Amino acid sequence: MSSHSPESQRAAQKAETRRRILEHARRLCARRGFARTRTVDVAKAARVSHGSVFVHFPSREALMAAVVGEMAREITDALHALGSQDAPLREVLAKHLDCLADREDELRWLLLEAPLLPKGFDAEWVGVQSAVAHHIAEAAARDMAAGRIREIPLHLLFNTWIGLVHHYVIHRELFAPGRSALKTHGRELLDHFMGLISTPTPKSRSKR
């Protein structure tokens, strides 16, 4: 089939429409939250008919799940690239912070509204956390084997890290009013966390 055939052109147009709908849905979710983002508003922002939204996403819940799924893929793809390079834990955590900081508005609404969202969101969110935990655990295991960080149960290490990061995101108006909490305090959080888990550096003995 020619790349310029009517069928291929329709397929390309359909893919572009889906991409545009998803892009504007993400923008609205970042601005208003997931619970208050309506499909009619997404259609208006994307400049498509309301019915077109449901051609690509069978329900509002499916559209919102796609928003979370795309955000998740972007984060896990970035971490996967580092994992294939056997990067140390600090580098993996720094990349994790960068990924979250770029999507902080979406993440904050997701954390705040998680109990109110449909059950389908649970699967997407658990999938995100599981993938992130896997990459962090791999890097932590390498650092433990090399003696760079203390022997800590991996689930506690991950939960301590994610709890610290999420606390700052949820309460960012307290820590960074009007700004990104992670772009403002990310380096400080990373230094603090690595200080908690790193093995002590032997102090040189002073000459008498």
N, C-alpha and C. Protein backbone atom coordinates (compact mmCIF):
# COMPACT_ATOMS: atom_id res chain seq x y z
N MET A 1 0.84 -1.20 0.00
CA MET A 1 0.00 0.00 0.00
C MET A 1 0.87 1.25 0.00
N SER A 2 0.62 2.19 -0.94
CA SER A 2 1.41 3.40 -1.05
C SER A 2 1.26 4.24 0.21
N SER A 3 2.36 4.94 0.55
CA SER A 3 2.32 5.80 1.73
C SER A 3 1.40 6.99 1.52
N HIS A 4 1.02 7.23 0.24
CA HIS A 4 0.13 8.36 -0.06
C HIS A 4 -1.27 7.89 -0.43
N SER A 5 -1.56 6.62 -0.19
CA SER A 5 -2.88 6.11 -0.51
C SER A 5 -3.91 6.69 0.46
N PRO A 6 -5.18 6.71 0.06
CA PRO A 6 -6.22 7.24 0.96
C PRO A 6 -6.25 6.53 2.31
N GLU A 7 -5.99 5.20 2.30
CA GLU A 7 -6.02 4.44 3.55
C GLU A 7 -4.91 4.90 4.50
N SER A 8 -3.70 5.08 3.95
CA SER A 8 -2.58 5.49 4.80
C SER A 8 -2.76 6.92 5.30
N GLN A 9 -3.34 7.77 4.47
CA GLN A 9 -3.59 9.15 4.89
C GLN A 9 -4.63 9.21 6.00
N ARG A 10 -5.65 8.38 5.89
CA ARG A 10 -6.68 8.34 6.94
C ARG A 10 -6.09 7.82 8.25
N ALA A 11 -5.22 6.79 8.13
CA ALA A 11 -4.59 6.24 9.34
C ALA A 11 -3.70 7.28 10.01
N ALA A 12 -2.96 8.03 9.20
CA ALA A 12 -2.09 9.07 9.75
C ALA A 12 -2.90 10.18 10.41
N GLN A 13 -4.01 10.53 9.76
CA GLN A 13 -4.88 11.57 10.32
C GLN A 13 -5.51 11.11 11.63
N LYS A 14 -5.89 9.84 11.67
CA LYS A 14 -6.49 9.30 12.89
C LYS A 14 -5.48 9.30 14.04
N ALA A 15 -4.24 8.89 13.73
CA ALA A 15 -3.19 8.87 14.75
C ALA A 15 -2.89 10.28 15.25
N GLU A 16 -2.89 11.25 14.34
CA GLU A 16 -2.63 12.64 14.72
C GLU A 16 -3.75 13.19 15.60
N THR A 17 -4.99 12.84 15.27
CA THR A 17 -6.12 13.30 16.08
C THR A 17 -6.04 12.72 17.48
N ARG A 18 -5.71 11.43 17.57
CA ARG A 18 -5.58 10.80 18.89
C ARG A 18 -4.48 11.48 19.69
N ARG A 19 -3.35 11.73 19.04
CA ARG A 19 -2.23 12.37 19.73
C ARG A 19 -2.63 13.75 20.25
N ARG A 20 -3.35 14.50 19.44
CA ARG A 20 -3.76 15.85 19.83
C ARG A 20 -4.75 15.81 20.99
N ILE A 21 -5.68 14.88 20.96
CA ILE A 21 -6.64 14.73 22.06
C ILE A 21 -5.91 14.42 23.36
N LEU A 22 -4.96 13.48 23.28
CA LEU A 22 -4.22 13.07 24.47
C LEU A 22 -3.35 14.21 24.99
N GLU A 23 -2.73 14.94 24.10
CA GLU A 23 -1.89 16.07 24.49
C GLU A 23 -2.69 17.13 25.25
N HIS A 24 -3.85 17.47 24.73
CA HIS A 24 -4.66 18.50 25.39
C HIS A 24 -5.31 17.97 26.67
N ALA A 25 -5.60 16.69 26.71
CA ALA A 25 -6.11 16.10 27.94
C ALA A 25 -5.06 16.20 29.05
N ARG A 26 -3.81 15.95 28.69
CA ARG A 26 -2.74 16.06 29.68
C ARG A 26 -2.60 17.49 30.18
N ARG A 27 -2.69 18.44 29.29
CA ARG A 27 -2.57 19.85 29.70
C ARG A 27 -3.69 20.24 30.65
N LEU A 28 -4.90 19.81 30.34
CA LEU A 28 -6.03 20.14 31.20
C LEU A 28 -5.93 19.44 32.55
N CYS A 29 -5.49 18.18 32.54
CA CYS A 29 -5.32 17.45 33.81
C CYS A 29 -4.27 18.12 34.68
N ALA A 30 -3.20 18.61 34.06
CA ALA A 30 -2.15 19.29 34.81
C ALA A 30 -2.66 20.60 35.42
N ARG A 31 -3.59 21.24 34.72
CA ARG A 31 -4.09 22.54 35.17
C ARG A 31 -5.25 22.40 36.16
N ARG A 32 -6.18 21.48 35.86
CA ARG A 32 -7.42 21.38 36.64
C ARG A 32 -7.48 20.17 37.56
N GLY A 33 -6.71 19.16 37.24
CA GLY A 33 -6.84 17.89 37.94
C GLY A 33 -7.59 16.89 37.09
N PHE A 34 -7.48 15.63 37.44
CA PHE A 34 -8.13 14.56 36.68
C PHE A 34 -9.64 14.57 36.89
N ALA A 35 -10.06 14.78 38.13
CA ALA A 35 -11.48 14.69 38.45
C ALA A 35 -12.30 15.78 37.77
N ARG A 36 -11.70 16.94 37.51
CA ARG A 36 -12.44 18.06 36.94
C ARG A 36 -12.22 18.26 35.45
N THR A 37 -11.48 17.37 34.83
CA THR A 37 -11.26 17.47 33.39
C THR A 37 -12.36 16.73 32.65
N ARG A 38 -13.15 17.46 31.86
CA ARG A 38 -14.29 16.88 31.15
C ARG A 38 -13.91 16.62 29.69
N THR A 39 -14.51 15.59 29.13
CA THR A 39 -14.22 15.27 27.73
C THR A 39 -14.65 16.39 26.79
N VAL A 40 -15.72 17.09 27.12
CA VAL A 40 -16.17 18.18 26.26
C VAL A 40 -15.13 19.31 26.22
N ASP A 41 -14.45 19.52 27.33
CA ASP A 41 -13.41 20.55 27.37
C ASP A 41 -12.16 20.10 26.62
N VAL A 42 -11.87 18.80 26.70
CA VAL A 42 -10.74 18.25 25.94
C VAL A 42 -11.00 18.41 24.44
N ALA A 43 -12.22 18.09 24.02
CA ALA A 43 -12.58 18.21 22.61
C ALA A 43 -12.44 19.66 22.13
N LYS A 44 -12.89 20.59 22.94
CA LYS A 44 -12.80 22.01 22.58
C LYS A 44 -11.35 22.45 22.47
N ALA A 45 -10.52 22.04 23.42
CA ALA A 45 -9.10 22.42 23.40
C ALA A 45 -8.37 21.81 22.20
N ALA A 46 -8.73 20.57 21.86
CA ALA A 46 -8.09 19.88 20.74
C ALA A 46 -8.70 20.25 19.39
N ARG A 47 -9.79 21.02 19.43
CA ARG A 47 -10.49 21.45 18.21
C ARG A 47 -11.00 20.27 17.40
N VAL A 48 -11.65 19.36 18.10
CA VAL A 48 -12.32 18.23 17.46
C VAL A 48 -13.74 18.16 18.02
N SER A 49 -14.58 17.40 17.37
CA SER A 49 -15.94 17.23 17.88
C SER A 49 -15.90 16.39 19.15
N HIS A 50 -16.92 16.56 19.99
CA HIS A 50 -16.98 15.78 21.21
C HIS A 50 -17.01 14.29 20.90
N GLY A 51 -17.73 13.92 19.85
CA GLY A 51 -17.80 12.51 19.47
C GLY A 51 -16.47 11.93 19.05
N SER A 52 -15.59 12.77 18.50
CA SER A 52 -14.27 12.28 18.07
C SER A 52 -13.45 11.75 19.24
N VAL A 53 -13.65 12.36 20.41
CA VAL A 53 -12.93 11.89 21.59
C VAL A 53 -13.24 10.42 21.85
N PHE A 54 -14.51 10.06 21.70
CA PHE A 54 -14.94 8.69 22.01
C PHE A 54 -14.65 7.71 20.89
N VAL A 55 -14.29 8.22 19.71
CA VAL A 55 -13.81 7.33 18.64
C VAL A 55 -12.45 6.75 19.04
N HIS A 56 -11.65 7.56 19.71
CA HIS A 56 -10.30 7.15 20.09
C HIS A 56 -10.21 6.60 21.51
N PHE A 57 -11.10 7.06 22.37
CA PHE A 57 -11.12 6.61 23.77
C PHE A 57 -12.58 6.30 24.12
N PRO A 58 -12.91 5.05 24.40
CA PRO A 58 -14.31 4.65 24.58
C PRO A 58 -15.03 5.31 25.74
N SER A 59 -14.29 5.85 26.69
CA SER A 59 -14.92 6.49 27.85
C SER A 59 -13.98 7.55 28.41
N ARG A 60 -14.52 8.40 29.26
CA ARG A 60 -13.69 9.39 29.93
C ARG A 60 -12.61 8.70 30.76
N GLU A 61 -12.99 7.61 31.42
CA GLU A 61 -12.03 6.87 32.25
C GLU A 61 -10.88 6.34 31.40
N ALA A 62 -11.20 5.87 30.19
CA ALA A 62 -10.16 5.35 29.30
C ALA A 62 -9.20 6.47 28.89
N LEU A 63 -9.74 7.66 28.65
CA LEU A 63 -8.88 8.80 28.30
C LEU A 63 -7.97 9.18 29.46
N MET A 64 -8.52 9.24 30.66
CA MET A 64 -7.72 9.59 31.82
C MET A 64 -6.65 8.53 32.09
N ALA A 65 -7.01 7.26 31.91
CA ALA A 65 -6.04 6.18 32.09
C ALA A 65 -4.92 6.29 31.06
N ALA A 66 -5.26 6.72 29.84
CA ALA A 66 -4.25 6.90 28.80
C ALA A 66 -3.29 8.03 29.16
N VAL A 67 -3.82 9.07 29.79
CA VAL A 67 -2.98 10.18 30.25
C VAL A 67 -1.95 9.67 31.26
N VAL A 68 -2.41 8.90 32.23
CA VAL A 68 -1.51 8.34 33.24
C VAL A 68 -0.53 7.36 32.60
N GLY A 69 -1.04 6.55 31.67
CA GLY A 69 -0.19 5.56 31.01
C GLY A 69 0.93 6.20 30.21
N GLU A 70 0.63 7.28 29.52
CA GLU A 70 1.67 7.95 28.73
C GLU A 70 2.71 8.58 29.65
N MET A 71 2.27 9.21 30.72
CA MET A 71 3.20 9.78 31.69
C MET A 71 4.09 8.69 32.26
N ALA A 72 3.51 7.55 32.56
CA ALA A 72 4.26 6.43 33.12
C ALA A 72 5.32 5.94 32.15
N ARG A 73 4.95 5.80 30.89
CA ARG A 73 5.91 5.31 29.89
C ARG A 73 7.09 6.27 29.73
N GLU A 74 6.82 7.55 29.77
CA GLU A 74 7.91 8.52 29.63
C GLU A 74 8.91 8.39 30.79
N ILE A 75 8.39 8.21 31.99
CA ILE A 75 9.25 8.09 33.16
C ILE A 75 10.04 6.79 33.13
N THR A 76 9.36 5.68 32.88
CA THR A 76 10.03 4.38 32.91
C THR A 76 11.01 4.22 31.75
N ASP A 77 10.71 4.81 30.59
CA ASP A 77 11.65 4.74 29.47
C ASP A 77 12.96 5.45 29.81
N ALA A 78 12.85 6.59 30.47
CA ALA A 78 14.06 7.34 30.86
C ALA A 78 14.88 6.55 31.87
N LEU A 79 14.23 5.92 32.82
CA LEU A 79 14.95 5.12 33.83
C LEU A 79 15.52 3.85 33.22
N HIS A 80 14.80 3.27 32.27
CA HIS A 80 15.28 2.05 31.61
C HIS A 80 16.58 2.33 30.86
N ALA A 81 16.67 3.49 30.24
CA ALA A 81 17.89 3.84 29.51
C ALA A 81 19.09 3.90 30.45
N LEU A 82 18.88 4.42 31.65
CA LEU A 82 19.96 4.47 32.63
C LEU A 82 20.30 3.09 33.15
N GLY A 83 19.25 2.26 33.35
CA GLY A 83 19.48 0.91 33.86
C GLY A 83 20.34 0.09 32.93
N SER A 84 20.17 0.28 31.64
CA SER A 84 20.97 -0.47 30.67
C SER A 84 22.43 -0.03 30.69
N GLN A 85 22.71 1.12 31.30
CA GLN A 85 24.09 1.61 31.40
C GLN A 85 24.71 1.30 32.76
N ASP A 86 23.99 0.54 33.60
CA ASP A 86 24.47 0.22 34.96
C ASP A 86 24.80 1.48 35.75
N ALA A 87 23.93 2.47 35.65
CA ALA A 87 24.16 3.74 36.34
C ALA A 87 24.06 3.55 37.85
N PRO A 88 24.82 4.33 38.63
CA PRO A 88 24.72 4.26 40.10
C PRO A 88 23.39 4.81 40.58
N LEU A 89 23.05 4.50 41.82
CA LEU A 89 21.75 4.89 42.36
C LEU A 89 21.53 6.40 42.32
N ARG A 90 22.53 7.16 42.68
CA ARG A 90 22.35 8.62 42.69
C ARG A 90 21.92 9.13 41.32
N GLU A 91 22.51 8.59 40.27
CA GLU A 91 22.17 9.03 38.91
C GLU A 91 20.75 8.63 38.55
N VAL A 92 20.33 7.44 38.97
CA VAL A 92 18.97 6.98 38.69
C VAL A 92 17.95 7.85 39.44
N LEU A 93 18.24 8.15 40.70
CA LEU A 93 17.33 9.00 41.48
C LEU A 93 17.27 10.42 40.92
N ALA A 94 18.40 10.92 40.45
CA ALA A 94 18.42 12.26 39.85
C ALA A 94 17.55 12.29 38.59
N LYS A 95 17.65 11.25 37.78
CA LYS A 95 16.81 11.17 36.57
C LYS A 95 15.34 11.04 36.95
N HIS A 96 15.06 10.26 37.99
CA HIS A 96 13.68 10.13 38.47
C HIS A 96 13.13 11.49 38.88
N LEU A 97 13.91 12.26 39.61
CA LEU A 97 13.48 13.60 40.01
C LEU A 97 13.23 14.50 38.81
N ASP A 98 14.12 14.44 37.83
CA ASP A 98 13.96 15.26 36.63
C ASP A 98 12.66 14.92 35.90
N CYS A 99 12.40 13.62 35.77
CA CYS A 99 11.18 13.17 35.09
C CYS A 99 9.93 13.64 35.82
N LEU A 100 9.94 13.52 37.14
CA LEU A 100 8.78 13.94 37.93
C LEU A 100 8.62 15.45 37.92
N ALA A 101 9.73 16.17 37.98
CA ALA A 101 9.67 17.63 37.99
C ALA A 101 9.03 18.16 36.71
N ASP A 102 9.33 17.52 35.59
CA ASP A 102 8.76 17.95 34.31
C ASP A 102 7.26 17.65 34.22
N ARG A 103 6.77 16.79 35.10
CA ARG A 103 5.36 16.40 35.10
C ARG A 103 4.73 16.62 36.47
N GLU A 104 5.27 17.57 37.20
CA GLU A 104 4.88 17.74 38.60
C GLU A 104 3.41 18.08 38.78
N ASP A 105 2.87 18.90 37.89
CA ASP A 105 1.45 19.27 38.02
C ASP A 105 0.56 18.05 37.87
N GLU A 106 0.82 17.23 36.85
CA GLU A 106 0.04 16.00 36.66
C GLU A 106 0.18 15.08 37.86
N LEU A 107 1.44 14.92 38.31
CA LEU A 107 1.70 14.02 39.44
C LEU A 107 0.98 14.49 40.70
N ARG A 108 1.02 15.78 40.96
CA ARG A 108 0.40 16.30 42.19
C ARG A 108 -1.10 16.03 42.19
N TRP A 109 -1.76 16.31 41.06
CA TRP A 109 -3.19 16.03 41.00
C TRP A 109 -3.48 14.55 41.15
N LEU A 110 -2.63 13.72 40.56
CA LEU A 110 -2.83 12.28 40.67
C LEU A 110 -2.73 11.82 42.11
N LEU A 111 -1.75 12.33 42.83
CA LEU A 111 -1.58 11.96 44.24
C LEU A 111 -2.73 12.47 45.09
N LEU A 112 -3.17 13.69 44.83
CA LEU A 112 -4.25 14.27 45.63
C LEU A 112 -5.59 13.60 45.37
N GLU A 113 -5.83 13.22 44.12
CA GLU A 113 -7.15 12.72 43.74
C GLU A 113 -7.24 11.21 43.63
N ALA A 114 -6.15 10.52 43.90
CA ALA A 114 -6.13 9.06 43.72
C ALA A 114 -7.32 8.35 44.37
N PRO A 115 -7.71 8.70 45.61
CA PRO A 115 -8.85 7.99 46.23
C PRO A 115 -10.19 8.24 45.52
N LEU A 116 -10.27 9.32 44.73
CA LEU A 116 -11.53 9.68 44.08
C LEU A 116 -11.63 9.15 42.65
N LEU A 117 -10.55 8.63 42.13
CA LEU A 117 -10.51 8.23 40.73
C LEU A 117 -11.01 6.80 40.54
N PRO A 118 -11.46 6.46 39.33
CA PRO A 118 -11.97 5.10 39.06
C PRO A 118 -10.93 4.03 39.33
N LYS A 119 -11.40 2.81 39.55
CA LYS A 119 -10.50 1.72 39.90
C LYS A 119 -9.45 1.45 38.84
N GLY A 120 -9.77 1.73 37.59
CA GLY A 120 -8.81 1.50 36.52
C GLY A 120 -7.52 2.26 36.70
N PHE A 121 -7.60 3.39 37.42
CA PHE A 121 -6.40 4.18 37.65
C PHE A 121 -5.43 3.44 38.56
N ASP A 122 -5.96 2.63 39.45
CA ASP A 122 -5.10 1.90 40.38
C ASP A 122 -4.08 1.05 39.63
N ALA A 123 -4.56 0.35 38.60
CA ALA A 123 -3.67 -0.52 37.84
C ALA A 123 -2.57 0.28 37.16
N GLU A 124 -2.95 1.42 36.56
CA GLU A 124 -1.96 2.26 35.89
C GLU A 124 -0.93 2.80 36.90
N TRP A 125 -1.43 3.25 38.05
CA TRP A 125 -0.55 3.86 39.04
C TRP A 125 0.37 2.82 39.68
N VAL A 126 -0.18 1.66 39.99
CA VAL A 126 0.65 0.58 40.54
C VAL A 126 1.71 0.17 39.53
N GLY A 127 1.33 0.16 38.26
CA GLY A 127 2.30 -0.18 37.22
C GLY A 127 3.45 0.81 37.17
N VAL A 128 3.13 2.10 37.31
CA VAL A 128 4.17 3.13 37.34
C VAL A 128 5.12 2.89 38.50
N GLN A 129 4.54 2.72 39.69
CA GLN A 129 5.36 2.56 40.88
C GLN A 129 6.20 1.29 40.83
N SER A 130 5.64 0.23 40.30
CA SER A 130 6.38 -1.04 40.21
C SER A 130 7.57 -0.91 39.28
N ALA A 131 7.37 -0.24 38.15
CA ALA A 131 8.46 -0.07 37.19
C ALA A 131 9.56 0.81 37.77
N VAL A 132 9.17 1.90 38.42
CA VAL A 132 10.16 2.79 39.04
C VAL A 132 10.91 2.05 40.14
N ALA A 133 10.18 1.31 40.96
CA ALA A 133 10.80 0.56 42.06
C ALA A 133 11.81 -0.44 41.52
N HIS A 134 11.49 -1.08 40.40
CA HIS A 134 12.40 -2.07 39.80
C HIS A 134 13.73 -1.42 39.42
N HIS A 135 13.68 -0.28 38.76
CA HIS A 135 14.91 0.37 38.31
C HIS A 135 15.72 0.91 39.49
N ILE A 136 15.03 1.45 40.48
CA ILE A 136 15.74 1.94 41.67
C ILE A 136 16.36 0.79 42.44
N ALA A 137 15.63 -0.32 42.55
CA ALA A 137 16.15 -1.48 43.27
C ALA A 137 17.39 -2.06 42.58
N GLU A 138 17.37 -2.11 41.26
CA GLU A 138 18.54 -2.62 40.53
C GLU A 138 19.77 -1.76 40.79
N ALA A 139 19.59 -0.44 40.73
CA ALA A 139 20.72 0.46 40.98
C ALA A 139 21.18 0.37 42.43
N ALA A 140 20.23 0.27 43.36
CA ALA A 140 20.59 0.16 44.78
C ALA A 140 21.36 -1.13 45.05
N ALA A 141 20.94 -2.22 44.43
CA ALA A 141 21.63 -3.50 44.62
C ALA A 141 23.07 -3.41 44.13
N ARG A 142 23.28 -2.72 43.00
CA ARG A 142 24.65 -2.55 42.49
C ARG A 142 25.48 -1.73 43.46
N ASP A 143 24.90 -0.67 44.01
CA ASP A 143 25.64 0.17 44.95
C ASP A 143 25.93 -0.56 46.26
N MET A 144 24.99 -1.39 46.71
CA MET A 144 25.23 -2.19 47.92
C MET A 144 26.37 -3.16 47.69
N ALA A 145 26.36 -3.81 46.54
CA ALA A 145 27.41 -4.78 46.22
C ALA A 145 28.78 -4.11 46.15
N ALA A 146 28.80 -2.85 45.72
CA ALA A 146 30.05 -2.11 45.61
C ALA A 146 30.44 -1.43 46.92
N GLY A 147 29.57 -1.55 47.92
CA GLY A 147 29.86 -0.95 49.22
C GLY A 147 29.64 0.55 49.30
N ARG A 148 28.91 1.10 48.31
CA ARG A 148 28.69 2.55 48.31
C ARG A 148 27.54 2.97 49.21
N ILE A 149 26.56 2.07 49.40
CA ILE A 149 25.45 2.37 50.30
C ILE A 149 25.26 1.21 51.27
N ARG A 150 24.59 1.49 52.37
CA ARG A 150 24.38 0.48 53.40
C ARG A 150 23.40 -0.60 52.93
N GLU A 151 23.47 -1.75 53.56
CA GLU A 151 22.53 -2.84 53.26
C GLU A 151 21.18 -2.48 53.87
N ILE A 152 20.22 -2.20 53.02
CA ILE A 152 18.88 -1.78 53.43
C ILE A 152 17.87 -2.60 52.65
N PRO A 153 16.81 -3.11 53.29
CA PRO A 153 15.77 -3.81 52.52
C PRO A 153 15.29 -2.91 51.39
N LEU A 154 15.25 -3.45 50.19
CA LEU A 154 14.96 -2.63 49.01
C LEU A 154 13.58 -1.98 49.06
N HIS A 155 12.61 -2.69 49.64
CA HIS A 155 11.27 -2.09 49.69
C HIS A 155 11.24 -0.88 50.62
N LEU A 156 12.03 -0.93 51.70
CA LEU A 156 12.08 0.21 52.61
C LEU A 156 12.84 1.38 51.99
N LEU A 157 13.90 1.06 51.27
CA LEU A 157 14.66 2.11 50.59
C LEU A 157 13.77 2.85 49.59
N PHE A 158 13.03 2.09 48.78
CA PHE A 158 12.16 2.71 47.78
C PHE A 158 11.04 3.51 48.44
N ASN A 159 10.39 2.92 49.44
CA ASN A 159 9.26 3.61 50.08
C ASN A 159 9.70 4.88 50.80
N THR A 160 10.91 4.87 51.37
CA THR A 160 11.43 6.07 52.02
C THR A 160 11.66 7.17 50.99
N TRP A 161 12.26 6.80 49.86
CA TRP A 161 12.52 7.77 48.80
C TRP A 161 11.22 8.33 48.23
N ILE A 162 10.31 7.45 47.86
CA ILE A 162 9.09 7.91 47.20
C ILE A 162 8.21 8.70 48.17
N GLY A 163 8.24 8.32 49.45
CA GLY A 163 7.48 9.06 50.45
C GLY A 163 8.00 10.48 50.61
N LEU A 164 9.32 10.63 50.60
CA LEU A 164 9.94 11.95 50.72
C LEU A 164 9.57 12.83 49.52
N VAL A 165 9.70 12.27 48.33
CA VAL A 165 9.42 13.03 47.11
C VAL A 165 7.94 13.41 47.03
N HIS A 166 7.06 12.45 47.28
CA HIS A 166 5.63 12.73 47.19
C HIS A 166 5.18 13.74 48.24
N HIS A 167 5.79 13.71 49.41
CA HIS A 167 5.44 14.67 50.46
C HIS A 167 5.70 16.10 49.99
N TYR A 168 6.84 16.30 49.34
CA TYR A 168 7.17 17.63 48.85
C TYR A 168 6.26 18.05 47.69
N VAL A 169 5.89 17.10 46.84
CA VAL A 169 5.01 17.42 45.71
C VAL A 169 3.62 17.80 46.21
N ILE A 170 3.06 16.99 47.11
CA ILE A 170 1.71 17.25 47.61
C ILE A 170 1.64 18.59 48.35
N HIS A 171 2.67 18.88 49.12
CA HIS A 171 2.65 20.10 49.95
C HIS A 171 3.56 21.19 49.37
N ARG A 172 3.61 21.28 48.06
CA ARG A 172 4.57 22.22 47.45
C ARG A 172 4.27 23.68 47.77
N GLU A 173 3.01 24.01 48.04
CA GLU A 173 2.71 25.40 48.40
C GLU A 173 3.32 25.78 49.74
N LEU A 174 3.64 24.78 50.53
CA LEU A 174 4.32 25.02 51.80
C LEU A 174 5.82 25.18 51.59
N PHE A 175 6.38 24.32 50.71
CA PHE A 175 7.83 24.29 50.52
C PHE A 175 8.32 25.21 49.40
N ALA A 176 7.48 25.43 48.39
CA ALA A 176 7.90 26.25 47.24
C ALA A 176 6.68 26.97 46.66
N PRO A 177 6.14 27.95 47.37
CA PRO A 177 4.91 28.63 46.91
C PRO A 177 5.04 29.17 45.49
N GLY A 178 4.10 28.75 44.64
CA GLY A 178 4.08 29.23 43.27
C GLY A 178 5.16 28.68 42.37
N ARG A 179 5.90 27.69 42.85
CA ARG A 179 7.00 27.13 42.06
C ARG A 179 6.93 25.61 42.08
N SER A 180 7.82 24.99 41.32
CA SER A 180 7.95 23.54 41.34
C SER A 180 8.74 23.13 42.58
N ALA A 181 8.15 22.26 43.39
CA ALA A 181 8.84 21.80 44.60
C ALA A 181 10.10 21.02 44.25
N LEU A 182 10.02 20.20 43.20
CA LEU A 182 11.16 19.34 42.86
C LEU A 182 12.27 20.11 42.17
N LYS A 183 11.92 21.10 41.36
CA LYS A 183 12.96 21.92 40.74
C LYS A 183 13.62 22.83 41.77
N THR A 184 12.87 23.18 42.80
CA THR A 184 13.41 24.05 43.85
C THR A 184 14.23 23.27 44.87
N HIS A 185 13.73 22.11 45.27
CA HIS A 185 14.35 21.36 46.38
C HIS A 185 14.90 19.99 45.97
N GLY A 186 14.83 19.65 44.69
CA GLY A 186 15.24 18.31 44.27
C GLY A 186 16.66 17.94 44.67
N ARG A 187 17.60 18.83 44.42
CA ARG A 187 19.00 18.55 44.76
C ARG A 187 19.16 18.35 46.26
N GLU A 188 18.48 19.16 47.04
CA GLU A 188 18.54 19.04 48.51
C GLU A 188 17.99 17.69 48.97
N LEU A 189 16.87 17.27 48.38
CA LEU A 189 16.27 15.98 48.74
C LEU A 189 17.19 14.83 48.37
N LEU A 190 17.80 14.92 47.20
CA LEU A 190 18.70 13.86 46.75
C LEU A 190 19.92 13.77 47.66
N ASP A 191 20.52 14.91 47.98
CA ASP A 191 21.69 14.91 48.87
C ASP A 191 21.33 14.35 50.24
N HIS A 192 20.17 14.74 50.75
CA HIS A 192 19.72 14.26 52.06
C HIS A 192 19.53 12.75 52.05
N PHE A 193 18.83 12.25 51.04
CA PHE A 193 18.55 10.82 50.98
C PHE A 193 19.83 10.01 50.83
N MET A 194 20.72 10.44 49.95
CA MET A 194 21.97 9.71 49.76
C MET A 194 22.82 9.76 51.03
N GLY A 195 22.74 10.87 51.76
CA GLY A 195 23.46 10.95 53.03
C GLY A 195 22.96 9.95 54.05
N LEU A 196 21.66 9.65 54.01
CA LEU A 196 21.08 8.69 54.95
C LEU A 196 21.52 7.26 54.66
N ILE A 197 21.71 6.94 53.39
CA ILE A 197 21.94 5.54 53.03
C ILE A 197 23.39 5.22 52.66
N SER A 198 24.22 6.24 52.45
CA SER A 198 25.60 6.00 52.04
C SER A 198 26.42 5.42 53.18
N THR A 199 27.39 4.60 52.83
CA THR A 199 28.29 4.05 53.84
C THR A 199 29.22 5.17 54.32
N PRO A 200 29.59 5.13 55.60
CA PRO A 200 30.45 6.19 56.13
C PRO A 200 31.79 6.22 55.41
N THR A 201 32.27 7.42 55.17
CA THR A 201 33.60 7.58 54.57
C THR A 201 34.63 7.60 55.69
N PRO A 202 35.62 6.70 55.63
CA PRO A 202 36.63 6.67 56.71
C PRO A 202 37.33 8.02 56.85
N LYS A 203 37.43 8.49 58.08
CA LYS A 203 38.11 9.75 58.32
C LYS A 203 39.60 9.51 58.45
N SER A 204 40.36 10.36 57.79
CA SER A 204 41.82 10.22 57.88
C SER A 204 42.28 10.63 59.27
N ARG A 205 43.23 9.87 59.81
CA ARG A 205 43.74 10.18 61.15
C ARG A 205 44.72 11.35 61.08
N SER A 206 44.52 12.28 61.95
CA SER A 206 45.44 13.43 61.98
C SER A 206 46.78 13.02 62.57
N LYS A 207 47.83 13.64 62.08
CA LYS A 207 49.17 13.32 62.59
C LYS A 207 49.37 13.94 63.96
N ARG A 208 50.00 13.18 64.82
CA ARG A 208 50.27 13.69 66.16
C ARG A 208 51.64 14.37 66.19
